[in-house]
């Protein structure tokens, strides 16, 4: 079973995203901020990380930078999620190494489409 790490400080958003993924037969681990997310990424080596940008303690862009600099997880596909939908915000996310950028609110089928792109070919090397 593929494992997805969901990093989101909004309880309802984190729970809804996790439920959509679990109902589609993914194992989900979750964190409420980037610091926790980094710890879980290092412990769990998820197949995909879905991460909000604006969070306390460590934001999503900082988490993404740390993931990309850590050999054991640097190739893990990373999806940024944010209500910030300006073209400059999206470009900044890709410039930091994101594979995808989803704007909130998103539909469950949109989430699963993006996740599916990476789960079917997720033999990412450590």
Protein backbone atom coordinates (compact mmCIF):
# COMPACT_ATOMS: atom_id res chain seq x y z
CA UNK A 1 0.00 0.00 0.00
CA UNK A 2 1.33 3.44 -0.94
CA UNK A 3 1.84 5.93 1.87
CA UNK A 4 1.04 9.62 1.60
CA UNK A 5 2.11 12.27 4.08
CA UNK A 6 -0.43 15.09 4.48
CA UNK A 7 0.96 18.23 6.15
CA UNK A 8 -1.83 20.72 6.90
CA UNK A 9 -2.51 22.93 9.93
CA UNK A 10 -6.26 23.23 9.30
CA UNK A 11 -7.87 20.26 11.06
CA UNK A 12 -10.89 19.99 8.74
CA UNK A 13 -8.79 20.27 5.58
CA UNK A 14 -6.28 17.69 6.87
CA UNK A 15 -9.03 15.27 7.90
CA UNK A 16 -10.97 15.65 4.64
CA UNK A 17 -7.86 15.19 2.51
CA UNK A 18 -6.81 12.16 4.56
CA UNK A 19 -10.28 10.60 4.28
CA UNK A 20 -10.39 11.02 0.47
CA UNK A 21 -7.00 9.33 0.23
CA UNK A 22 -7.84 6.52 2.66
CA UNK A 23 -11.08 5.76 0.80
CA UNK A 24 -8.91 5.33 -2.30
CA UNK A 25 -6.75 2.74 -0.52
CA UNK A 26 -3.75 4.87 0.38
CA UNK A 27 -2.12 4.75 3.80
CA UNK A 28 -2.02 8.26 5.25
CA UNK A 29 0.18 9.81 7.90
CA UNK A 30 -0.43 13.42 8.82
CA UNK A 31 1.23 16.37 10.49
CA UNK A 32 -0.04 19.77 11.62
CA UNK A 33 3.06 21.77 10.69
CA UNK A 34 6.25 21.57 8.64
CA UNK A 35 8.45 20.58 11.57
CA UNK A 36 6.28 17.53 12.30
CA UNK A 37 6.03 16.88 8.58
CA UNK A 38 9.81 16.72 8.21
CA UNK A 39 10.09 14.30 11.13
CA UNK A 40 7.42 12.03 9.64
CA UNK A 41 8.96 12.23 6.16
CA UNK A 42 12.30 11.10 7.58
CA UNK A 43 10.69 8.31 9.65
CA UNK A 44 8.09 7.04 7.18
CA UNK A 45 9.69 7.68 3.76
CA UNK A 46 6.26 8.31 2.18
CA UNK A 47 5.59 7.75 -1.52
CA UNK A 48 4.15 11.28 -1.81
CA UNK A 49 3.97 14.45 0.30
CA UNK A 50 0.98 16.79 0.13
CA UNK A 51 1.72 20.01 1.99
CA UNK A 52 0.02 23.31 2.72
CA UNK A 53 2.20 26.39 2.31
CA UNK A 54 1.05 28.68 5.13
CA UNK A 55 1.60 26.90 8.46
CA UNK A 56 3.09 27.66 11.88
CA UNK A 57 6.59 26.63 12.98
CA UNK A 58 7.81 25.75 9.46
CA UNK A 59 5.90 26.67 6.32
CA UNK A 60 5.46 24.40 3.33
CA UNK A 61 8.14 26.08 1.22
CA UNK A 62 10.73 25.61 3.96
CA UNK A 63 9.68 21.98 4.36
CA UNK A 64 10.02 21.51 0.60
CA UNK A 65 13.53 23.02 0.65
CA UNK A 66 14.57 20.71 3.50
CA UNK A 67 13.11 17.64 1.77
CA UNK A 68 14.95 18.45 -1.47
CA UNK A 69 18.25 18.77 0.45
CA UNK A 70 17.87 15.43 2.30
CA UNK A 71 19.25 12.48 0.35
CA UNK A 72 16.89 9.84 1.76
CA UNK A 73 13.71 11.73 0.74
CA UNK A 74 14.79 14.29 -1.88
CA UNK A 75 13.15 12.45 -4.79
CA UNK A 76 9.79 12.09 -3.04
CA UNK A 77 7.05 13.70 -5.16
CA UNK A 78 5.82 16.86 -3.43
CA UNK A 79 2.45 18.55 -3.95
CA UNK A 80 2.03 22.06 -2.56
CA UNK A 81 -1.48 23.12 -1.57
CA UNK A 82 -2.49 26.72 -0.97
CA UNK A 83 -5.28 29.25 -1.22
CA UNK A 84 -2.64 31.50 -2.80
CA UNK A 85 -3.47 31.18 -6.48
CA UNK A 86 -1.51 34.02 -8.06
CA UNK A 87 0.72 32.96 -10.91
CA UNK A 88 3.76 34.23 -8.98
CA UNK A 89 2.86 32.00 -5.99
CA UNK A 90 2.57 28.95 -8.22
CA UNK A 91 5.86 29.72 -9.97
CA UNK A 92 7.55 30.16 -6.59
CA UNK A 93 6.33 26.70 -5.56
CA UNK A 94 7.73 25.09 -8.69
CA UNK A 95 10.98 27.05 -8.31
CA UNK A 96 11.41 25.48 -4.86
CA UNK A 97 11.05 21.99 -6.34
CA UNK A 98 7.34 21.15 -6.10
CA UNK A 99 6.02 18.57 -8.55
CA UNK A 100 2.46 19.94 -8.42
CA UNK A 101 0.56 22.91 -7.01
CA UNK A 102 -3.10 22.58 -6.03
CA UNK A 103 -5.14 25.63 -5.14
CA UNK A 104 -7.72 25.51 -2.35
CA UNK A 105 -10.48 24.67 -2.37
CA UNK A 106 -9.99 21.61 -4.56
CA UNK A 107 -12.32 18.75 -5.40
CA UNK A 108 -11.63 15.17 -4.35
CA UNK A 109 -11.34 14.01 -7.95
CA UNK A 110 -8.76 16.73 -8.65
CA UNK A 111 -6.72 15.57 -5.66
CA UNK A 112 -6.92 11.93 -6.73
CA UNK A 113 -5.93 12.80 -10.32
CA UNK A 114 -2.77 14.53 -9.10
CA UNK A 115 -1.98 11.77 -6.59
CA UNK A 116 -2.56 9.10 -9.23
CA UNK A 117 0.10 10.62 -11.50
CA UNK A 118 2.73 9.83 -8.88
CA UNK A 119 1.40 6.68 -7.25
CA UNK A 120 1.33 4.54 -10.39
CA UNK A 121 5.02 5.15 -11.02
CA UNK A 122 6.29 5.80 -7.53
CA UNK A 123 9.36 3.61 -7.47
CA UNK A 124 11.29 6.65 -6.31
CA UNK A 125 14.85 5.87 -5.34
CA UNK A 126 15.94 6.66 -1.81
